[in-house]
Amino acid sequence: MRNTARWATTIGLTAAAVCAPLAGAASAAPDGAPPALYAPSALVLTMGHGESATTVAPERAVTLTCAPGPSGTHPAATAACGELAEVNGDLRALTMDEGVFCTHQYDPVVVTVAGVWQGQRISYERTFANECVMNAHGSGVLTF
């Protein structure tokens, strides 16, 4: 009877020692998010003057991570992630803000976005007539 009690105690303590850290890791979530899996959302945005990304070297580049929380080098990460969530990561759905007036000066700016949005790979390239027009499309996402 003594051996049975010792074995039961030993197995119980071993199980507690092995399972306790695992339970803590499962309940821990980054940035106070609920303890659940999330699809990654991380993008690299570039901007350069010219008509095509194949012929233009990027002048500016930023990173934007939206899951588990807004972060990266993007100057307005929270606003950008909110705008992307509204269009479900479809950058083509960003329209020019109302009330913004830009000159008709043609100084082309090409923007590229590459990365993952909610676990799906995305790649986007668009040429705008000038920086004003670029900034007017999605006041948070493309303003960097």
C-alpha atoms as a PDB file:
ATOM      1  CA  MET A   1       0.000   0.000   0.000  1.00  0.00           C
ATOM      2  CA  ARG A   2       2.876   2.329   0.753  1.00  0.00           C
ATOM      3  CA  ASN A   3       4.363   1.887  -2.749  1.00  0.00           C
ATOM      4  CA  THR A   4       1.007   2.618  -4.366  1.00  0.00           C
ATOM      5  CA  ALA A   5       0.647   5.856  -2.388  1.00  0.00           C
ATOM      6  CA  ARG A   6       4.222   6.883  -3.273  1.00  0.00           C
ATOM      7  CA  TRP A   7       3.685   6.148  -6.969  1.00  0.00           C
ATOM      8  CA  ALA A   8       0.402   8.039  -7.008  1.00  0.00           C
ATOM      9  CA  THR A   9       2.040  11.028  -5.319  1.00  0.00           C
ATOM     10  CA  THR A  10       5.057  10.895  -7.651  1.00  0.00           C
ATOM     11  CA  ILE A  11       2.905  10.643 -10.776  1.00  0.00           C
ATOM     12  CA  GLY A  12       0.651  13.448  -9.542  1.00  0.00           C
ATOM     13  CA  LEU A  13       3.585  15.789  -8.822  1.00  0.00           C
ATOM     14  CA  THR A  14       5.266  14.915 -12.123  1.00  0.00           C
ATOM     15  CA  ALA A  15       2.049  15.611 -14.035  1.00  0.00           C
ATOM     16  CA  ALA A  16       1.639  18.925 -12.220  1.00  0.00           C
ATOM     17  CA  ALA A  17       5.244  19.905 -12.929  1.00  0.00           C
ATOM     18  CA  VAL A  18       4.974  19.035 -16.626  1.00  0.00           C
ATOM     19  CA  CYS A  19       1.464  20.339 -17.304  1.00  0.00           C
ATOM     20  CA  ALA A  20       1.546  23.581 -15.294  1.00  0.00           C
ATOM     21  CA  PRO A  21       3.949  25.416 -17.646  1.00  0.00           C
ATOM     22  CA  LEU A  22       1.994  24.177 -20.659  1.00  0.00           C
ATOM     23  CA  ALA A  23      -1.265  25.484 -19.241  1.00  0.00           C
ATOM     24  CA  GLY A  24       0.342  28.867 -18.573  1.00  0.00           C
ATOM     25  CA  ALA A  25       1.657  29.089 -22.132  1.00  0.00           C
ATOM     26  CA  ALA A  26      -1.726  28.229 -23.580  1.00  0.00           C
ATOM     27  CA  SER A  27      -3.491  30.928 -21.609  1.00  0.00           C
ATOM     28  CA  ALA A  28      -0.887  33.620 -22.255  1.00  0.00           C
ATOM     29  CA  ALA A  29      -1.615  35.834 -25.235  1.00  0.00           C
ATOM     30  CA  PRO A  30       0.324  38.801 -26.631  1.00  0.00           C
ATOM     31  CA  ASP A  31      -0.879  42.345 -25.923  1.00  0.00           C
ATOM     32  CA  GLY A  32      -3.740  41.161 -23.719  1.00  0.00           C
ATOM     33  CA  ALA A  33      -5.500  39.467 -26.643  1.00  0.00           C
ATOM     34  CA  PRO A  34      -7.844  36.604 -25.809  1.00  0.00           C
ATOM     35  CA  PRO A  35      -6.133  33.234 -25.604  1.00  0.00           C
ATOM     36  CA  ALA A  36      -6.848  32.133 -29.172  1.00  0.00           C
ATOM     37  CA  LEU A  37      -4.972  31.624 -32.377  1.00  0.00           C
ATOM     38  CA  TYR A  38      -4.913  34.512 -34.821  1.00  0.00           C
ATOM     39  CA  ALA A  39      -3.977  34.745 -38.464  1.00  0.00           C
ATOM     40  CA  PRO A  40      -0.910  36.920 -39.022  1.00  0.00           C
ATOM     41  CA  SER A  41      -1.219  40.302 -40.684  1.00  0.00           C
ATOM     42  CA  ALA A  42       2.145  41.857 -41.515  1.00  0.00           C
ATOM     43  CA  LEU A  43       2.936  44.057 -44.498  1.00  0.00           C
ATOM     44  CA  VAL A  44       5.831  45.978 -46.037  1.00  0.00           C
ATOM     45  CA  LEU A  45       4.826  49.191 -47.824  1.00  0.00           C
ATOM     46  CA  THR A  46       7.152  51.061 -50.180  1.00  0.00           C
ATOM     47  CA  MET A  47       6.888  54.324 -52.111  1.00  0.00           C
ATOM     48  CA  GLY A  48       9.003  55.790 -54.898  1.00  0.00           C
ATOM     49  CA  HIS A  49       8.705  58.415 -57.641  1.00  0.00           C
ATOM     50  CA  GLY A  50       8.150  56.870 -61.054  1.00  0.00           C
ATOM     51  CA  GLU A  51       5.635  54.836 -62.987  1.00  0.00           C
ATOM     52  CA  SER A  52       6.550  51.243 -62.146  1.00  0.00           C
ATOM     53  CA  ALA A  53       8.073  49.410 -59.218  1.00  0.00           C
ATOM     54  CA  THR A  54      10.316  47.537 -61.642  1.00  0.00           C
ATOM     55  CA  THR A  55      12.038  50.760 -62.731  1.00  0.00           C
ATOM     56  CA  VAL A  56      11.916  52.761 -59.484  1.00  0.00           C
ATOM     57  CA  ALA A  57      13.973  52.285 -56.355  1.00  0.00           C
ATOM     58  CA  PRO A  58      11.897  52.715 -53.182  1.00  0.00           C
ATOM     59  CA  GLU A  59      12.435  56.043 -51.467  1.00  0.00           C
ATOM     60  CA  ARG A  60      10.507  55.111 -48.342  1.00  0.00           C
ATOM     61  CA  ALA A  61       9.575  51.805 -46.779  1.00  0.00           C
ATOM     62  CA  VAL A  62       7.631  50.960 -43.638  1.00  0.00           C
ATOM     63  CA  THR A  63       6.424  47.829 -41.905  1.00  0.00           C
ATOM     64  CA  LEU A  64       2.898  47.366 -40.619  1.00  0.00           C
ATOM     65  CA  THR A  65       1.745  44.563 -38.372  1.00  0.00           C
ATOM     66  CA  CYS A  66      -1.949  44.398 -37.503  1.00  0.00           C
ATOM     67  CA  ALA A  67      -2.275  41.070 -35.681  1.00  0.00           C
ATOM     68  CA  PRO A  68      -2.125  40.508 -32.801  1.00  0.00           C
ATOM     69  CA  GLY A  69      -2.026  44.303 -32.478  1.00  0.00           C
ATOM     70  CA  PRO A  70      -1.014  47.390 -34.475  1.00  0.00           C
ATOM     71  CA  SER A  71       2.748  47.893 -34.609  1.00  0.00           C
ATOM     72  CA  GLY A  72       5.658  48.414 -36.962  1.00  0.00           C
ATOM     73  CA  THR A  73       7.441  51.447 -38.359  1.00  0.00           C
ATOM     74  CA  HIS A  74       4.293  52.838 -40.018  1.00  0.00           C
ATOM     75  CA  PRO A  75       3.651  56.287 -38.465  1.00  0.00           C
ATOM     76  CA  ALA A  76      -0.113  55.663 -38.099  1.00  0.00           C
ATOM     77  CA  ALA A  77      -0.228  51.901 -37.488  1.00  0.00           C
ATOM     78  CA  THR A  78      -3.529  51.918 -35.566  1.00  0.00           C
ATOM     79  CA  ALA A  79      -5.372  53.991 -38.182  1.00  0.00           C
ATOM     80  CA  ALA A  80      -3.848  51.972 -41.037  1.00  0.00           C
ATOM     81  CA  CYS A  81      -4.883  48.659 -39.489  1.00  0.00           C
ATOM     82  CA  GLY A  82      -8.395  50.017 -38.929  1.00  0.00           C
ATOM     83  CA  GLU A  83      -8.700  51.059 -42.574  1.00  0.00           C
ATOM     84  CA  LEU A  84      -7.382  47.728 -43.785  1.00  0.00           C
ATOM     85  CA  ALA A  85      -9.862  45.904 -41.557  1.00  0.00           C
ATOM     86  CA  GLU A  86     -12.722  47.949 -43.062  1.00  0.00           C
ATOM     87  CA  VAL A  87     -11.798  46.799 -46.590  1.00  0.00           C
ATOM     88  CA  ASN A  88     -10.761  43.296 -45.467  1.00  0.00           C
ATOM     89  CA  GLY A  89      -7.186  43.871 -46.621  1.00  0.00           C
ATOM     90  CA  ASP A  90      -8.214  44.745 -50.196  1.00  0.00           C
ATOM     91  CA  LEU A  91      -6.105  47.816 -50.950  1.00  0.00           C
ATOM     92  CA  ARG A  92      -7.890  48.299 -54.283  1.00  0.00           C
ATOM     93  CA  ALA A  93     -11.020  49.148 -52.282  1.00  0.00           C
ATOM     94  CA  LEU A  94      -9.396  52.255 -50.767  1.00  0.00           C
ATOM     95  CA  THR A  95     -11.012  55.258 -52.419  1.00  0.00           C
ATOM     96  CA  MET A  96     -10.025  58.903 -52.499  1.00  0.00           C
ATOM     97  CA  ASP A  97     -11.254  60.787 -49.435  1.00  0.00           C
ATOM     98  CA  GLU A  98     -14.013  63.307 -50.077  1.00  0.00           C
ATOM     99  CA  GLY A  99     -13.101  66.951 -49.765  1.00  0.00           C
ATOM    100  CA  VAL A 100      -9.461  66.462 -50.754  1.00  0.00           C
ATOM    101  CA  PHE A 101      -8.333  68.544 -53.704  1.00  0.00           C
ATOM    102  CA  CYS A 102      -5.047  67.843 -55.464  1.00  0.00           C
ATOM    103  CA  THR A 103      -3.301  69.609 -58.305  1.00  0.00           C
ATOM    104  CA  HIS A 104      -3.249  68.034 -61.753  1.00  0.00           C
ATOM    105  CA  GLN A 105       0.545  68.006 -61.696  1.00  0.00           C
ATOM    106  CA  TYR A 106       1.835  64.708 -63.036  1.00  0.00           C
ATOM    107  CA  ASP A 107       4.663  63.499 -60.813  1.00  0.00           C
ATOM    108  CA  PRO A 108       3.953  59.750 -60.625  1.00  0.00           C
ATOM    109  CA  VAL A 109       4.349  57.890 -57.369  1.00  0.00           C
ATOM    110  CA  VAL A 110       4.317  54.109 -57.219  1.00  0.00           C
ATOM    111  CA  VAL A 111       3.279  52.270 -54.059  1.00  0.00           C
ATOM    112  CA  THR A 112       3.832  48.592 -53.364  1.00  0.00           C
ATOM    113  CA  VAL A 113       2.458  46.500 -50.542  1.00  0.00           C
ATOM    114  CA  ALA A 114       3.572  42.933 -49.943  1.00  0.00           C
ATOM    115  CA  GLY A 115       2.966  40.563 -47.085  1.00  0.00           C
ATOM    116  CA  VAL A 116       0.220  38.651 -45.353  1.00  0.00           C
ATOM    117  CA  TRP A 117      -3.259  39.831 -44.400  1.00  0.00           C
ATOM    118  CA  GLN A 118      -5.135  37.511 -42.020  1.00  0.00           C
ATOM    119  CA  GLY A 119      -3.046  34.577 -43.184  1.00  0.00           C
ATOM    120  CA  GLN A 120      -3.479  35.260 -46.923  1.00  0.00           C
ATOM    121  CA  ARG A 121      -0.559  36.462 -49.046  1.00  0.00           C
ATOM    122  CA  ILE A 122      -1.157  39.810 -50.761  1.00  0.00           C
ATOM    123  CA  SER A 123       0.783  41.783 -53.324  1.00  0.00           C
ATOM    124  CA  TYR A 124      -0.292  45.246 -54.489  1.00  0.00           C
ATOM    125  CA  GLU A 125       1.190  47.863 -56.787  1.00  0.00           C
ATOM    126  CA  ARG A 126      -0.414  51.123 -57.831  1.00  0.00           C
ATOM    127  CA  THR A 127       0.803  54.269 -59.531  1.00  0.00           C
ATOM    128  CA  PHE A 128      -0.748  57.566 -58.427  1.00  0.00           C
ATOM    129  CA  ALA A 129      -0.535  60.854 -60.344  1.00  0.00           C
ATOM    130  CA  ASN A 130       1.263  62.540 -57.424  1.00  0.00           C
ATOM    131  CA  GLU A 131       1.816  62.264 -53.658  1.00  0.00           C
ATOM    132  CA  CYS A 132      -1.316  64.264 -52.849  1.00  0.00           C
ATOM    133  CA  VAL A 133      -3.487  61.752 -54.695  1.00  0.00           C
ATOM    134  CA  MET A 134      -1.645  58.873 -52.993  1.00  0.00           C
ATOM    135  CA  ASN A 135      -2.175  60.356 -49.527  1.00  0.00           C
ATOM    136  CA  ALA A 136      -5.863  60.973 -50.254  1.00  0.00           C
ATOM    137  CA  HIS A 137      -6.436  57.250 -50.858  1.00  0.00           C
ATOM    138  CA  GLY A 138      -6.749  55.755 -47.405  1.00  0.00           C
ATOM    139  CA  SER A 139      -5.717  58.551 -45.090  1.00  0.00           C
ATOM    140  CA  GLY A 140      -3.967  56.121 -42.747  1.00  0.00           C
ATOM    141  CA  VAL A 141      -2.646  53.259 -44.847  1.00  0.00           C
ATOM    142  CA  LEU A 142      -0.775  55.097 -47.594  1.00  0.00           C
ATOM    143  CA  THR A 143       0.333  58.090 -45.543  1.00  0.00           C
ATOM    144  CA  PHE A 144       3.887  57.208 -44.612  1.00  0.00           C
END
